[in-house]
Amino acid sequence: MAIRFFHTPRNKEFSFKPRYYNEQKEELENRVKSIKREMGVTDLEDSDKPYVPNIKGQMRGYFKKNVEHKRKSNLRIVIILIILFTAAYFLLYY
């Protein structure tokens, strides 16, 4: 076994899969969708329902967590200050 003085990390490997854009295929899919929409054919897979984000609920959860973290950090700071003041008191007056 050899003794190593410096640790040299190995190269990181990434699995990059390049994307291929086929403009003709996308145009064909758009034409097929528009024709299906005109004919009134509804497909379960291909529903064109608009995306409705749940940003309101996500923001409520974020603010609720933020308030809880602030309370915990404030309590932690108060406890640390009390411990420091009592330690300083005992060191100075005893």
N, C-alpha and C. Protein backbone atom coordinates (compact mmCIF):
# COMPACT_ATOMS: atom_id res chain seq x y z
N MET A 1 0.83 -1.16 0.00
CA MET A 1 0.00 0.00 0.00
C MET A 1 0.88 1.24 0.00
N ALA A 2 0.59 2.15 -0.88
CA ALA A 2 1.39 3.36 -0.99
C ALA A 2 0.87 4.42 -0.03
N ILE A 3 1.78 5.23 0.48
CA ILE A 3 1.39 6.32 1.36
C ILE A 3 1.12 7.55 0.49
N ARG A 4 -0.05 8.13 0.69
CA ARG A 4 -0.44 9.28 -0.11
C ARG A 4 -0.42 10.52 0.78
N PHE A 5 0.31 11.53 0.35
CA PHE A 5 0.38 12.77 1.11
C PHE A 5 -0.75 13.74 0.74
N PHE A 6 -1.12 13.74 -0.50
CA PHE A 6 -2.15 14.64 -0.97
C PHE A 6 -3.29 13.82 -1.56
N HIS A 7 -4.48 14.16 -1.17
CA HIS A 7 -5.66 13.49 -1.71
C HIS A 7 -6.11 14.23 -2.97
N THR A 8 -6.05 13.55 -4.07
CA THR A 8 -6.52 14.16 -5.32
C THR A 8 -7.84 13.49 -5.70
N PRO A 9 -8.92 14.25 -5.69
CA PRO A 9 -10.22 13.67 -6.01
C PRO A 9 -10.31 13.29 -7.48
N ARG A 10 -11.11 12.29 -7.72
CA ARG A 10 -11.32 11.85 -9.11
C ARG A 10 -12.27 12.81 -9.81
N ASN A 11 -12.24 12.77 -11.11
CA ASN A 11 -13.13 13.62 -11.90
C ASN A 11 -14.57 13.18 -11.71
N LYS A 12 -15.46 14.15 -11.68
CA LYS A 12 -16.88 13.84 -11.56
C LYS A 12 -17.43 13.50 -12.93
N GLU A 13 -18.29 12.51 -12.96
CA GLU A 13 -18.90 12.10 -14.22
C GLU A 13 -20.34 12.59 -14.24
N PHE A 14 -20.73 13.15 -15.36
CA PHE A 14 -22.09 13.64 -15.52
C PHE A 14 -22.76 12.84 -16.64
N SER A 15 -24.05 12.64 -16.47
CA SER A 15 -24.80 11.94 -17.51
C SER A 15 -25.65 12.98 -18.25
N PHE A 16 -25.08 13.61 -19.24
CA PHE A 16 -25.74 14.64 -20.01
C PHE A 16 -26.34 14.03 -21.26
N LYS A 17 -27.65 14.18 -21.40
CA LYS A 17 -28.33 13.68 -22.59
C LYS A 17 -28.79 14.89 -23.40
N PRO A 18 -28.20 15.12 -24.55
CA PRO A 18 -28.60 16.29 -25.34
C PRO A 18 -30.02 16.13 -25.87
N ARG A 19 -30.70 17.24 -25.96
CA ARG A 19 -32.08 17.23 -26.46
C ARG A 19 -32.07 17.49 -27.95
N TYR A 20 -33.02 16.85 -28.62
CA TYR A 20 -33.13 17.03 -30.06
C TYR A 20 -34.46 17.73 -30.33
N TYR A 21 -34.41 18.82 -31.06
CA TYR A 21 -35.61 19.59 -31.37
C TYR A 21 -35.99 19.35 -32.82
N ASN A 22 -37.17 18.78 -33.01
CA ASN A 22 -37.67 18.51 -34.34
C ASN A 22 -38.82 19.48 -34.60
N GLU A 23 -38.55 20.50 -35.40
CA GLU A 23 -39.54 21.54 -35.64
C GLU A 23 -40.75 21.01 -36.40
N GLN A 24 -40.52 20.13 -37.35
CA GLN A 24 -41.63 19.59 -38.15
C GLN A 24 -42.57 18.76 -37.28
N LYS A 25 -42.01 17.97 -36.39
CA LYS A 25 -42.84 17.13 -35.53
C LYS A 25 -43.69 18.00 -34.60
N GLU A 26 -43.12 19.06 -34.07
CA GLU A 26 -43.88 19.94 -33.19
C GLU A 26 -44.99 20.66 -33.94
N GLU A 27 -44.73 21.10 -35.17
CA GLU A 27 -45.77 21.74 -35.97
C GLU A 27 -46.90 20.76 -36.27
N LEU A 28 -46.55 19.52 -36.56
CA LEU A 28 -47.56 18.49 -36.83
C LEU A 28 -48.41 18.25 -35.59
N GLU A 29 -47.79 18.16 -34.42
CA GLU A 29 -48.54 17.94 -33.18
C GLU A 29 -49.48 19.11 -32.90
N ASN A 30 -49.02 20.32 -33.15
CA ASN A 30 -49.88 21.49 -32.94
C ASN A 30 -51.06 21.49 -33.90
N ARG A 31 -50.82 21.11 -35.15
CA ARG A 31 -51.93 21.04 -36.12
C ARG A 31 -52.93 19.98 -35.72
N VAL A 32 -52.45 18.82 -35.27
CA VAL A 32 -53.35 17.74 -34.86
C VAL A 32 -54.18 18.18 -33.66
N LYS A 33 -53.56 18.86 -32.70
CA LYS A 33 -54.29 19.35 -31.53
C LYS A 33 -55.37 20.34 -31.93
N SER A 34 -55.02 21.27 -32.83
CA SER A 34 -56.02 22.28 -33.23
C SER A 34 -57.17 21.62 -33.98
N ILE A 35 -56.89 20.63 -34.81
CA ILE A 35 -57.97 19.94 -35.55
C ILE A 35 -58.86 19.17 -34.58
N LYS A 36 -58.25 18.50 -33.60
CA LYS A 36 -59.04 17.78 -32.60
C LYS A 36 -59.91 18.75 -31.81
N ARG A 37 -59.37 19.91 -31.49
CA ARG A 37 -60.13 20.91 -30.75
C ARG A 37 -61.32 21.39 -31.59
N GLU A 38 -61.11 21.59 -32.89
CA GLU A 38 -62.20 22.03 -33.77
C GLU A 38 -63.28 20.98 -33.90
N MET A 39 -62.86 19.70 -33.94
CA MET A 39 -63.83 18.62 -34.10
C MET A 39 -64.53 18.29 -32.79
N GLY A 40 -63.99 18.74 -31.67
CA GLY A 40 -64.63 18.49 -30.38
C GLY A 40 -64.21 17.18 -29.75
N VAL A 41 -63.15 16.58 -30.25
CA VAL A 41 -62.67 15.33 -29.69
C VAL A 41 -61.88 15.65 -28.42
N THR A 42 -62.27 15.01 -27.31
CA THR A 42 -61.54 15.22 -26.07
C THR A 42 -60.74 13.96 -25.76
N ASP A 43 -59.52 14.17 -25.46
CA ASP A 43 -58.62 13.07 -25.15
C ASP A 43 -58.20 13.22 -23.70
N LEU A 44 -58.22 12.14 -22.93
CA LEU A 44 -57.87 12.23 -21.51
C LEU A 44 -56.42 12.64 -21.32
N GLU A 45 -55.55 12.15 -22.18
CA GLU A 45 -54.13 12.47 -22.05
C GLU A 45 -53.84 13.90 -22.48
N ASP A 46 -54.56 14.37 -23.48
CA ASP A 46 -54.22 15.62 -24.15
C ASP A 46 -55.17 16.74 -23.75
N SER A 47 -55.46 16.87 -22.48
CA SER A 47 -56.38 17.93 -22.07
C SER A 47 -55.65 19.26 -22.10
N ASP A 48 -56.31 20.26 -22.60
CA ASP A 48 -55.72 21.60 -22.70
C ASP A 48 -56.23 22.50 -21.59
N LYS A 49 -56.30 21.97 -20.38
CA LYS A 49 -56.73 22.77 -19.25
C LYS A 49 -55.61 23.73 -18.89
N PRO A 50 -55.96 24.94 -18.57
CA PRO A 50 -54.89 25.89 -18.20
C PRO A 50 -54.27 25.50 -16.86
N TYR A 51 -53.01 25.78 -16.73
CA TYR A 51 -52.28 25.47 -15.51
C TYR A 51 -52.64 26.52 -14.45
N VAL A 52 -53.08 26.05 -13.30
CA VAL A 52 -53.43 26.95 -12.21
C VAL A 52 -52.46 26.69 -11.06
N PRO A 53 -51.53 27.60 -10.83
CA PRO A 53 -50.55 27.39 -9.77
C PRO A 53 -51.17 27.57 -8.39
N ASN A 54 -50.59 26.91 -7.43
CA ASN A 54 -51.05 27.01 -6.05
C ASN A 54 -50.11 27.93 -5.27
N ILE A 55 -49.84 29.08 -5.83
CA ILE A 55 -48.85 29.98 -5.24
C ILE A 55 -49.36 30.55 -3.92
N LYS A 56 -50.67 30.76 -3.81
CA LYS A 56 -51.21 31.33 -2.58
C LYS A 56 -50.98 30.39 -1.40
N GLY A 57 -51.27 29.12 -1.59
CA GLY A 57 -51.06 28.14 -0.53
C GLY A 57 -49.59 27.94 -0.21
N GLN A 58 -48.75 28.00 -1.24
CA GLN A 58 -47.32 27.84 -1.02
C GLN A 58 -46.76 29.01 -0.23
N MET A 59 -47.22 30.21 -0.52
CA MET A 59 -46.72 31.39 0.19
C MET A 59 -47.17 31.38 1.64
N ARG A 60 -48.40 30.92 1.90
CA ARG A 60 -48.86 30.83 3.29
C ARG A 60 -47.97 29.88 4.08
N GLY A 61 -47.67 28.74 3.48
CA GLY A 61 -46.81 27.77 4.15
C GLY A 61 -45.42 28.33 4.40
N TYR A 62 -44.90 29.08 3.43
CA TYR A 62 -43.57 29.67 3.57
C TYR A 62 -43.55 30.67 4.72
N PHE A 63 -44.55 31.56 4.76
CA PHE A 63 -44.57 32.58 5.80
C PHE A 63 -44.80 31.95 7.17
N LYS A 64 -45.60 30.89 7.23
CA LYS A 64 -45.84 30.21 8.50
C LYS A 64 -44.55 29.59 9.02
N LYS A 65 -43.79 28.94 8.14
CA LYS A 65 -42.51 28.37 8.54
C LYS A 65 -41.54 29.46 8.95
N ASN A 66 -41.54 30.56 8.22
CA ASN A 66 -40.63 31.66 8.51
C ASN A 66 -40.90 32.23 9.91
N VAL A 67 -42.16 32.39 10.28
CA VAL A 67 -42.51 32.92 11.59
C VAL A 67 -42.08 31.93 12.68
N GLU A 68 -42.30 30.64 12.44
CA GLU A 68 -41.90 29.63 13.43
C GLU A 68 -40.39 29.64 13.64
N HIS A 69 -39.64 29.76 12.57
CA HIS A 69 -38.18 29.79 12.68
C HIS A 69 -37.71 31.03 13.44
N LYS A 70 -38.36 32.16 13.21
CA LYS A 70 -37.99 33.38 13.92
C LYS A 70 -38.24 33.24 15.41
N ARG A 71 -39.38 32.64 15.78
CA ARG A 71 -39.69 32.44 17.20
C ARG A 71 -38.65 31.54 17.86
N LYS A 72 -38.32 30.45 17.20
CA LYS A 72 -37.35 29.52 17.76
C LYS A 72 -35.98 30.18 17.90
N SER A 73 -35.57 30.95 16.90
CA SER A 73 -34.26 31.58 16.97
C SER A 73 -34.24 32.65 18.05
N ASN A 74 -35.33 33.40 18.21
CA ASN A 74 -35.39 34.41 19.26
C ASN A 74 -35.33 33.76 20.64
N LEU A 75 -36.03 32.68 20.84
CA LEU A 75 -35.99 31.96 22.11
C LEU A 75 -34.59 31.44 22.38
N ARG A 76 -33.95 30.92 21.37
CA ARG A 76 -32.59 30.40 21.51
C ARG A 76 -31.62 31.52 21.91
N ILE A 77 -31.76 32.69 21.31
CA ILE A 77 -30.89 33.82 21.64
C ILE A 77 -31.11 34.26 23.08
N VAL A 78 -32.36 34.32 23.52
CA VAL A 78 -32.66 34.71 24.90
C VAL A 78 -32.04 33.72 25.88
N ILE A 79 -32.16 32.44 25.62
CA ILE A 79 -31.59 31.42 26.51
C ILE A 79 -30.07 31.55 26.56
N ILE A 80 -29.44 31.75 25.42
CA ILE A 80 -27.98 31.90 25.39
C ILE A 80 -27.55 33.15 26.16
N LEU A 81 -28.28 34.26 26.00
CA LEU A 81 -27.94 35.48 26.73
C LEU A 81 -28.08 35.28 28.24
N ILE A 82 -29.12 34.59 28.67
CA ILE A 82 -29.30 34.33 30.10
C ILE A 82 -28.14 33.50 30.64
N ILE A 83 -27.75 32.48 29.91
CA ILE A 83 -26.62 31.64 30.34
C ILE A 83 -25.34 32.46 30.40
N LEU A 84 -25.09 33.30 29.41
CA LEU A 84 -23.88 34.13 29.41
C LEU A 84 -23.86 35.13 30.55
N PHE A 85 -25.01 35.77 30.82
CA PHE A 85 -25.07 36.73 31.90
C PHE A 85 -24.86 36.07 33.26
N THR A 86 -25.45 34.89 33.45
CA THR A 86 -25.23 34.19 34.73
C THR A 86 -23.79 33.75 34.87
N ALA A 87 -23.18 33.29 33.78
CA ALA A 87 -21.75 32.90 33.84
C ALA A 87 -20.88 34.10 34.13
N ALA A 88 -21.17 35.25 33.52
CA ALA A 88 -20.39 36.46 33.77
C ALA A 88 -20.59 36.93 35.21
N TYR A 89 -21.79 36.83 35.72
CA TYR A 89 -22.07 37.23 37.09
C TYR A 89 -21.26 36.38 38.08
N PHE A 90 -21.27 35.06 37.87
CA PHE A 90 -20.54 34.18 38.77
C PHE A 90 -19.02 34.40 38.66
N LEU A 91 -18.53 34.70 37.47
CA LEU A 91 -17.10 34.93 37.32
C LEU A 91 -16.66 36.24 37.95
N LEU A 92 -17.50 37.28 37.87
CA LEU A 92 -17.11 38.58 38.40
C LEU A 92 -17.32 38.73 39.91
N TYR A 93 -18.36 38.11 40.44
CA TYR A 93 -18.70 38.34 41.85
C TYR A 93 -18.38 37.19 42.78
N TYR A 94 -17.83 36.10 42.29
CA TYR A 94 -17.44 34.99 43.19
C TYR A 94 -16.01 34.64 43.07
